[in-house]
């Protein structure tokens, strides 16, 4: 999967301000809506929050992957955020989350978002890569880091 085709610099925030799960989700949705990648904010928000109600998407190692499926998108859309202090995202390891990968994919398609998340998660679980992202000079640097083989 070509991460560079899916992840663009206009949907990467290196200094998230939200202090809780809902605020971070809102910030990431703002990115997707402001860039025109999501036209129906309410539908996207509903899909993501309904998924969070089933089970938190806070994983381990400081990573959270809020996601949802909705017909408000024609193809997989992605937003990436970094919260340097970290927030409680009800993660599996009960540690603060620092790295957020939000995906929204069409309701009738399964493969692309799973493939994308597997690829990005493979990189993000590496502590060295996490440190490089925290020190990244800008969104282009984050894409370079996550797209590296």
N, C-alpha and C. Protein backbone atom coordinates (compact mmCIF):
# COMPACT_ATOMS: atom_id res chain seq x y z
N UNK A 1 0.85 -1.19 0.00
CA UNK A 1 0.00 0.00 0.00
C UNK A 1 0.88 1.24 0.00
N UNK A 2 0.53 2.20 -0.82
CA UNK A 2 1.31 3.43 -0.91
C UNK A 2 0.76 4.47 0.06
N UNK A 3 1.43 4.59 1.19
CA UNK A 3 0.99 5.54 2.23
C UNK A 3 0.97 6.97 1.70
N UNK A 4 1.89 7.31 0.81
CA UNK A 4 1.95 8.68 0.28
C UNK A 4 0.71 9.05 -0.52
N UNK A 5 0.00 8.09 -1.06
CA UNK A 5 -1.22 8.39 -1.82
C UNK A 5 -2.42 8.60 -0.89
N UNK A 6 -2.33 8.04 0.30
CA UNK A 6 -3.46 8.12 1.23
C UNK A 6 -3.29 9.25 2.24
N UNK A 7 -2.08 9.44 2.72
CA UNK A 7 -1.80 10.42 3.75
C UNK A 7 -1.20 11.68 3.11
N UNK A 8 -1.84 12.81 3.32
CA UNK A 8 -1.34 14.06 2.76
C UNK A 8 -1.03 15.03 3.90
N UNK A 9 -0.13 15.97 3.62
CA UNK A 9 0.33 16.86 4.69
C UNK A 9 -0.77 17.75 5.26
N UNK A 10 -1.83 17.99 4.50
CA UNK A 10 -2.90 18.85 5.00
C UNK A 10 -3.81 18.18 6.02
N UNK A 11 -3.60 16.89 6.28
CA UNK A 11 -4.39 16.20 7.30
C UNK A 11 -3.49 15.63 8.41
N UNK A 12 -2.38 16.33 8.65
CA UNK A 12 -1.47 15.94 9.72
C UNK A 12 -1.33 17.12 10.68
N UNK A 13 -1.62 16.87 11.95
CA UNK A 13 -1.48 17.90 12.98
C UNK A 13 -0.43 17.43 13.99
N UNK A 14 0.64 18.20 14.12
CA UNK A 14 1.73 17.81 15.00
C UNK A 14 1.62 18.38 16.41
N UNK A 15 0.55 19.12 16.68
CA UNK A 15 0.40 19.73 18.00
C UNK A 15 -1.08 19.77 18.40
N UNK A 16 -1.66 18.59 18.56
CA UNK A 16 -3.07 18.54 18.97
C UNK A 16 -3.23 19.20 20.34
N UNK A 17 -4.35 19.88 20.52
CA UNK A 17 -4.61 20.62 21.76
C UNK A 17 -5.65 19.95 22.64
N UNK A 18 -6.47 19.06 22.10
CA UNK A 18 -7.55 18.44 22.84
C UNK A 18 -7.06 17.81 24.14
N UNK A 19 -7.91 17.89 25.16
CA UNK A 19 -7.54 17.35 26.46
C UNK A 19 -8.26 16.06 26.79
N UNK A 20 -9.10 15.59 25.87
CA UNK A 20 -9.78 14.31 26.08
C UNK A 20 -10.09 13.67 24.73
N UNK A 21 -10.61 12.48 24.78
CA UNK A 21 -10.88 11.70 23.56
C UNK A 21 -11.77 12.47 22.58
N UNK A 22 -12.85 13.02 23.07
CA UNK A 22 -13.80 13.71 22.19
C UNK A 22 -13.17 14.92 21.52
N UNK A 23 -12.37 15.68 22.25
CA UNK A 23 -11.73 16.87 21.68
C UNK A 23 -10.71 16.50 20.61
N UNK A 24 -9.96 15.43 20.82
CA UNK A 24 -8.99 14.99 19.81
C UNK A 24 -9.71 14.50 18.57
N UNK A 25 -10.78 13.75 18.75
CA UNK A 25 -11.58 13.29 17.60
C UNK A 25 -12.10 14.50 16.83
N UNK A 26 -12.57 15.51 17.53
CA UNK A 26 -13.07 16.73 16.87
C UNK A 26 -11.96 17.41 16.06
N UNK A 27 -10.78 17.52 16.63
CA UNK A 27 -9.66 18.15 15.92
C UNK A 27 -9.33 17.40 14.63
N UNK A 28 -9.29 16.08 14.72
CA UNK A 28 -8.97 15.29 13.53
C UNK A 28 -10.08 15.38 12.49
N UNK A 29 -11.33 15.40 12.95
CA UNK A 29 -12.45 15.60 12.02
C UNK A 29 -12.38 16.97 11.36
N UNK A 30 -11.98 17.99 12.13
CA UNK A 30 -11.82 19.33 11.56
C UNK A 30 -10.86 19.31 10.38
N UNK A 31 -9.75 18.57 10.53
CA UNK A 31 -8.78 18.47 9.43
C UNK A 31 -9.41 17.84 8.20
N UNK A 32 -10.11 16.74 8.40
CA UNK A 32 -10.71 16.04 7.26
C UNK A 32 -11.79 16.88 6.58
N UNK A 33 -12.56 17.59 7.37
CA UNK A 33 -13.63 18.42 6.79
C UNK A 33 -13.08 19.67 6.11
N UNK A 34 -12.08 20.31 6.72
CA UNK A 34 -11.53 21.54 6.15
C UNK A 34 -10.81 21.29 4.84
N UNK A 35 -10.36 20.09 4.62
CA UNK A 35 -9.67 19.76 3.36
C UNK A 35 -10.61 19.18 2.32
N UNK A 36 -11.89 19.04 2.68
CA UNK A 36 -12.88 18.52 1.74
C UNK A 36 -12.88 17.01 1.61
N UNK A 37 -12.11 16.33 2.43
CA UNK A 37 -12.06 14.86 2.35
C UNK A 37 -13.32 14.24 2.93
N UNK A 38 -13.99 14.97 3.84
CA UNK A 38 -15.26 14.53 4.41
C UNK A 38 -16.24 15.68 4.25
N UNK A 39 -17.34 15.41 3.58
CA UNK A 39 -18.34 16.45 3.35
C UNK A 39 -19.42 16.48 4.42
N UNK A 40 -19.76 15.34 4.98
CA UNK A 40 -20.83 15.26 5.97
C UNK A 40 -20.22 14.97 7.34
N UNK A 41 -19.91 16.03 8.04
CA UNK A 41 -19.24 15.91 9.33
C UNK A 41 -20.06 15.09 10.33
N UNK A 42 -21.36 15.34 10.38
CA UNK A 42 -22.20 14.64 11.36
C UNK A 42 -22.17 13.13 11.14
N UNK A 43 -22.23 12.72 9.88
CA UNK A 43 -22.21 11.28 9.57
C UNK A 43 -20.86 10.68 9.97
N UNK A 44 -19.78 11.38 9.67
CA UNK A 44 -18.44 10.89 10.02
C UNK A 44 -18.28 10.81 11.53
N UNK A 45 -18.70 11.86 12.22
CA UNK A 45 -18.60 11.90 13.67
C UNK A 45 -19.41 10.77 14.30
N UNK A 46 -20.61 10.56 13.80
CA UNK A 46 -21.47 9.50 14.32
C UNK A 46 -20.80 8.14 14.15
N UNK A 47 -20.22 7.87 12.99
CA UNK A 47 -19.57 6.59 12.73
C UNK A 47 -18.40 6.36 13.70
N UNK A 48 -17.61 7.38 13.91
CA UNK A 48 -16.44 7.24 14.79
C UNK A 48 -16.85 7.07 16.25
N UNK A 49 -17.78 7.90 16.71
CA UNK A 49 -18.20 7.82 18.11
C UNK A 49 -18.96 6.53 18.41
N UNK A 50 -19.73 6.03 17.45
CA UNK A 50 -20.40 4.74 17.65
C UNK A 50 -19.38 3.62 17.78
N UNK A 51 -18.32 3.69 16.99
CA UNK A 51 -17.25 2.68 17.09
C UNK A 51 -16.56 2.78 18.44
N UNK A 52 -16.33 3.98 18.93
CA UNK A 52 -15.69 4.16 20.23
C UNK A 52 -16.55 3.63 21.37
N UNK A 53 -17.88 3.72 21.23
CA UNK A 53 -18.78 3.21 22.27
C UNK A 53 -18.67 1.69 22.40
N UNK A 54 -18.42 1.02 21.29
CA UNK A 54 -18.30 -0.45 21.31
C UNK A 54 -17.05 -0.87 22.07
N UNK A 55 -15.96 -0.18 21.79
CA UNK A 55 -14.69 -0.48 22.44
C UNK A 55 -13.71 0.63 22.08
N UNK A 56 -12.96 1.08 23.03
CA UNK A 56 -12.01 2.15 22.77
C UNK A 56 -11.00 1.71 21.72
N UNK A 57 -10.62 2.65 20.88
CA UNK A 57 -9.60 2.37 19.86
C UNK A 57 -8.23 2.82 20.34
N UNK A 58 -8.12 3.10 21.64
CA UNK A 58 -6.81 3.35 22.24
C UNK A 58 -6.10 2.02 22.35
N UNK A 59 -4.99 1.88 21.67
CA UNK A 59 -4.30 0.60 21.64
C UNK A 59 -3.25 0.56 22.75
N UNK A 60 -2.03 0.30 22.40
CA UNK A 60 -0.91 0.27 23.33
C UNK A 60 0.21 1.13 22.76
N UNK A 61 1.24 1.33 23.56
CA UNK A 61 2.43 2.04 23.10
C UNK A 61 2.13 3.47 22.65
N UNK A 62 1.12 4.11 23.24
CA UNK A 62 0.83 5.50 22.94
C UNK A 62 0.06 5.73 21.65
N UNK A 63 -0.52 4.67 21.08
CA UNK A 63 -1.20 4.76 19.79
C UNK A 63 -2.71 4.60 19.95
N UNK A 64 -3.46 5.46 19.25
CA UNK A 64 -4.92 5.32 19.18
C UNK A 64 -5.32 5.41 17.72
N UNK A 65 -6.31 4.60 17.34
CA UNK A 65 -6.73 4.58 15.94
C UNK A 65 -8.25 4.72 15.82
N UNK A 66 -8.77 5.91 16.19
CA UNK A 66 -10.21 6.11 16.04
C UNK A 66 -10.60 5.93 14.57
N UNK A 67 -11.65 5.16 14.35
CA UNK A 67 -12.05 4.91 12.97
C UNK A 67 -13.54 4.61 12.89
N UNK A 68 -14.04 4.69 11.69
CA UNK A 68 -15.44 4.39 11.44
C UNK A 68 -15.68 4.12 9.98
N UNK A 69 -16.85 3.59 9.72
CA UNK A 69 -17.28 3.33 8.34
C UNK A 69 -18.54 4.14 8.07
N UNK A 70 -18.55 4.80 6.93
CA UNK A 70 -19.68 5.66 6.61
C UNK A 70 -19.74 5.90 5.11
N UNK A 71 -20.93 6.06 4.61
CA UNK A 71 -21.09 6.39 3.20
C UNK A 71 -20.82 7.87 2.92
N UNK A 72 -20.35 8.60 3.92
CA UNK A 72 -20.01 10.01 3.72
C UNK A 72 -18.67 10.16 2.98
N UNK A 73 -17.97 9.04 2.75
CA UNK A 73 -16.72 9.06 1.98
C UNK A 73 -16.81 8.02 0.87
N UNK A 74 -16.12 8.30 -0.24
CA UNK A 74 -16.10 7.36 -1.37
C UNK A 74 -14.92 6.41 -1.29
N UNK A 75 -13.90 6.82 -0.55
CA UNK A 75 -12.71 5.99 -0.39
C UNK A 75 -12.10 6.29 0.97
N UNK A 76 -11.12 5.50 1.33
CA UNK A 76 -10.46 5.67 2.62
C UNK A 76 -9.89 7.08 2.76
N UNK A 77 -10.18 7.73 3.91
CA UNK A 77 -9.57 9.01 4.24
C UNK A 77 -8.88 8.87 5.59
N UNK A 78 -7.80 9.62 5.76
CA UNK A 78 -6.95 9.48 6.94
C UNK A 78 -6.56 10.85 7.48
N UNK A 79 -6.53 10.97 8.79
CA UNK A 79 -5.95 12.13 9.47
C UNK A 79 -5.01 11.60 10.54
N UNK A 80 -3.90 12.32 10.73
CA UNK A 80 -2.88 11.91 11.69
C UNK A 80 -2.67 13.06 12.65
N UNK A 81 -2.57 12.73 13.93
CA UNK A 81 -2.32 13.76 14.93
C UNK A 81 -1.33 13.29 15.97
N UNK A 82 -0.61 14.26 16.52
CA UNK A 82 0.36 14.00 17.59
C UNK A 82 0.00 14.91 18.76
N UNK A 83 -0.07 14.32 19.93
CA UNK A 83 -0.31 15.08 21.16
C UNK A 83 0.90 14.83 22.05
N UNK A 84 1.76 15.82 22.14
CA UNK A 84 3.05 15.61 22.81
C UNK A 84 2.92 15.23 24.28
N UNK A 85 1.94 15.79 24.99
CA UNK A 85 1.77 15.45 26.40
C UNK A 85 1.04 14.12 26.58
N UNK A 86 0.22 13.78 25.62
CA UNK A 86 -0.57 12.55 25.71
C UNK A 86 -1.87 12.80 26.45
N UNK A 87 -2.88 12.01 26.08
CA UNK A 87 -4.18 12.10 26.75
C UNK A 87 -4.70 10.70 27.05
N UNK A 88 -5.64 10.63 27.96
CA UNK A 88 -6.30 9.37 28.28
C UNK A 88 -7.28 9.04 27.17
N UNK A 89 -7.02 7.95 26.46
CA UNK A 89 -7.89 7.50 25.38
C UNK A 89 -8.45 6.11 25.72
N UNK A 90 -8.46 5.79 27.03
CA UNK A 90 -8.88 4.47 27.51
C UNK A 90 -8.16 3.35 26.77
N UNK A 91 -6.84 3.49 26.71
CA UNK A 91 -6.00 2.53 25.99
C UNK A 91 -5.93 1.19 26.70
N UNK A 92 -5.62 0.16 25.92
CA UNK A 92 -5.51 -1.19 26.47
C UNK A 92 -4.47 -1.27 27.58
N UNK A 93 -3.36 -0.53 27.42
CA UNK A 93 -2.31 -0.57 28.44
C UNK A 93 -2.48 0.52 29.50
N UNK A 94 -3.58 1.27 29.41
CA UNK A 94 -3.92 2.33 30.36
C UNK A 94 -2.87 3.45 30.42
N UNK A 95 -2.10 3.59 29.35
CA UNK A 95 -1.10 4.65 29.25
C UNK A 95 -1.65 5.76 28.35
N UNK A 96 -1.12 6.98 28.46
CA UNK A 96 -1.59 8.07 27.61
C UNK A 96 -1.31 7.78 26.12
N UNK A 97 -2.19 8.28 25.28
CA UNK A 97 -2.01 8.16 23.83
C UNK A 97 -1.38 9.45 23.31
N UNK A 98 -0.40 9.30 22.43
CA UNK A 98 0.30 10.43 21.82
C UNK A 98 0.10 10.49 20.31
N UNK A 99 -0.14 9.34 19.69
CA UNK A 99 -0.19 9.24 18.22
C UNK A 99 -1.58 8.77 17.81
N UNK A 100 -2.22 9.55 16.94
CA UNK A 100 -3.60 9.28 16.55
C UNK A 100 -3.69 9.13 15.04
N UNK A 101 -4.23 8.02 14.62
CA UNK A 101 -4.47 7.76 13.21
C UNK A 101 -5.97 7.56 13.07
N UNK A 102 -6.66 8.55 12.48
CA UNK A 102 -8.10 8.43 12.28
C UNK A 102 -8.36 8.02 10.84
N UNK A 103 -9.20 6.99 10.68
CA UNK A 103 -9.61 6.60 9.34
C UNK A 103 -11.12 6.55 9.25
N UNK A 104 -11.61 6.92 8.09
CA UNK A 104 -13.02 6.74 7.76
C UNK A 104 -13.03 6.08 6.39
N UNK A 105 -13.77 5.00 6.29
CA UNK A 105 -13.83 4.30 5.02
C UNK A 105 -15.29 4.04 4.66
N UNK A 106 -15.54 3.79 3.38
CA UNK A 106 -16.92 3.51 2.96
C UNK A 106 -17.48 2.30 3.69
N UNK A 107 -18.76 2.33 3.97
CA UNK A 107 -19.41 1.27 4.74
C UNK A 107 -19.29 -0.10 4.08
N UNK A 108 -19.22 -0.12 2.78
CA UNK A 108 -19.23 -1.41 2.07
C UNK A 108 -17.84 -1.93 1.72
N UNK A 109 -16.77 -1.30 2.23
CA UNK A 109 -15.41 -1.75 1.90
C UNK A 109 -14.63 -2.04 3.17
N UNK A 110 -14.00 -3.21 3.20
CA UNK A 110 -13.26 -3.64 4.38
C UNK A 110 -11.76 -3.55 4.20
N UNK A 111 -11.24 -3.99 3.11
CA UNK A 111 -9.81 -4.17 2.92
C UNK A 111 -8.90 -2.97 3.10
N UNK A 112 -9.14 -1.86 2.41
CA UNK A 112 -8.16 -0.76 2.43
C UNK A 112 -7.81 -0.22 3.81
N UNK A 113 -8.80 -0.02 4.68
CA UNK A 113 -8.46 0.58 5.98
C UNK A 113 -7.69 -0.40 6.85
N UNK A 114 -7.99 -1.68 6.75
CA UNK A 114 -7.25 -2.68 7.53
C UNK A 114 -5.80 -2.75 7.04
N UNK A 115 -5.62 -2.75 5.74
CA UNK A 115 -4.27 -2.79 5.17
C UNK A 115 -3.48 -1.54 5.56
N UNK A 116 -4.11 -0.37 5.47
CA UNK A 116 -3.44 0.88 5.84
C UNK A 116 -3.05 0.87 7.32
N UNK A 117 -3.99 0.50 8.20
CA UNK A 117 -3.70 0.49 9.63
C UNK A 117 -2.59 -0.50 9.98
N UNK A 118 -2.58 -1.64 9.33
CA UNK A 118 -1.51 -2.62 9.58
C UNK A 118 -0.16 -2.04 9.21
N UNK A 119 -0.10 -1.36 8.07
CA UNK A 119 1.16 -0.78 7.60
C UNK A 119 1.65 0.33 8.54
N UNK A 120 0.77 1.25 8.88
CA UNK A 120 1.16 2.36 9.74
C UNK A 120 1.48 1.88 11.15
N UNK A 121 0.68 0.95 11.66
CA UNK A 121 0.92 0.43 13.01
C UNK A 121 2.27 -0.27 13.11
N UNK A 122 2.65 -0.93 12.05
CA UNK A 122 3.95 -1.61 12.03
C UNK A 122 5.07 -0.60 12.30
N UNK A 123 4.97 0.58 11.72
CA UNK A 123 5.98 1.62 11.94
C UNK A 123 5.84 2.27 13.31
N UNK A 124 4.60 2.60 13.68
CA UNK A 124 4.38 3.38 14.91
C UNK A 124 4.70 2.62 16.19
N UNK A 125 4.75 1.31 16.16
CA UNK A 125 5.08 0.57 17.38
C UNK A 125 6.58 0.61 17.69
N UNK A 126 7.37 1.12 16.78
CA UNK A 126 8.82 1.24 16.97
C UNK A 126 9.10 2.52 17.78
N UNK A 127 9.67 2.41 18.99
CA UNK A 127 9.94 3.60 19.80
C UNK A 127 10.84 4.62 19.11
N UNK A 128 11.78 4.18 18.29
CA UNK A 128 12.64 5.11 17.56
C UNK A 128 11.83 5.94 16.57
N UNK A 129 10.90 5.29 15.89
CA UNK A 129 10.05 6.02 14.94
C UNK A 129 9.15 7.00 15.68
N UNK A 130 8.64 6.60 16.82
CA UNK A 130 7.81 7.52 17.62
C UNK A 130 8.61 8.77 17.99
N UNK A 131 9.84 8.59 18.43
CA UNK A 131 10.68 9.74 18.79
C UNK A 131 10.95 10.62 17.58
N UNK A 132 11.19 10.01 16.43
CA UNK A 132 11.41 10.80 15.21
C UNK A 132 10.18 11.60 14.84
N UNK A 133 9.00 11.03 15.02
CA UNK A 133 7.76 11.76 14.72
C UNK A 133 7.57 12.91 15.71
N UNK A 134 7.86 12.68 16.98
CA UNK A 134 7.73 13.75 17.97
C UNK A 134 8.66 14.92 17.65
N UNK A 135 9.80 14.64 17.03
CA UNK A 135 10.76 15.69 16.68
C UNK A 135 10.60 16.19 15.24
N UNK A 136 9.63 15.66 14.52
CA UNK A 136 9.46 16.00 13.10
C UNK A 136 9.31 17.51 12.90
N UNK A 137 9.93 18.00 11.85
CA UNK A 137 9.89 19.43 11.55
C UNK A 137 8.58 19.86 10.89
N UNK A 138 7.82 18.92 10.39
CA UNK A 138 6.56 19.25 9.74
C UNK A 138 5.87 18.01 9.20
N UNK A 139 4.69 18.19 8.64
CA UNK A 139 3.91 17.06 8.11
C UNK A 139 4.64 16.24 7.05
N UNK A 140 5.41 16.90 6.18
CA UNK A 140 6.13 16.14 5.15
C UNK A 140 7.10 15.15 5.79
N UNK A 141 7.74 15.56 6.88
CA UNK A 141 8.68 14.68 7.57
C UNK A 141 7.95 13.47 8.16
N UNK A 142 6.75 13.66 8.67
CA UNK A 142 5.97 12.55 9.22
C UNK A 142 5.63 11.55 8.11
N UNK A 143 5.23 12.05 6.97
CA UNK A 143 4.93 11.17 5.85
C UNK A 143 6.17 10.39 5.44
N UNK A 144 7.30 11.07 5.37
CA UNK A 144 8.56 10.39 5.03
C UNK A 144 8.88 9.28 6.02
N UNK A 145 8.66 9.54 7.29
CA UNK A 145 8.96 8.56 8.34
C UNK A 145 8.02 7.35 8.21
N UNK A 146 6.73 7.61 8.06
CA UNK A 146 5.76 6.51 8.03
C UNK A 146 5.75 5.76 6.71
N UNK A 147 6.21 6.39 5.64
CA UNK A 147 6.22 5.74 4.33
C UNK A 147 7.53 5.00 4.05
N UNK A 148 8.51 5.15 4.95
CA UNK A 148 9.79 4.49 4.73
C UNK A 148 9.61 2.98 4.82
N UNK A 149 10.33 2.29 4.00
CA UNK A 149 10.26 0.81 4.02
C UNK A 149 11.07 0.35 5.13
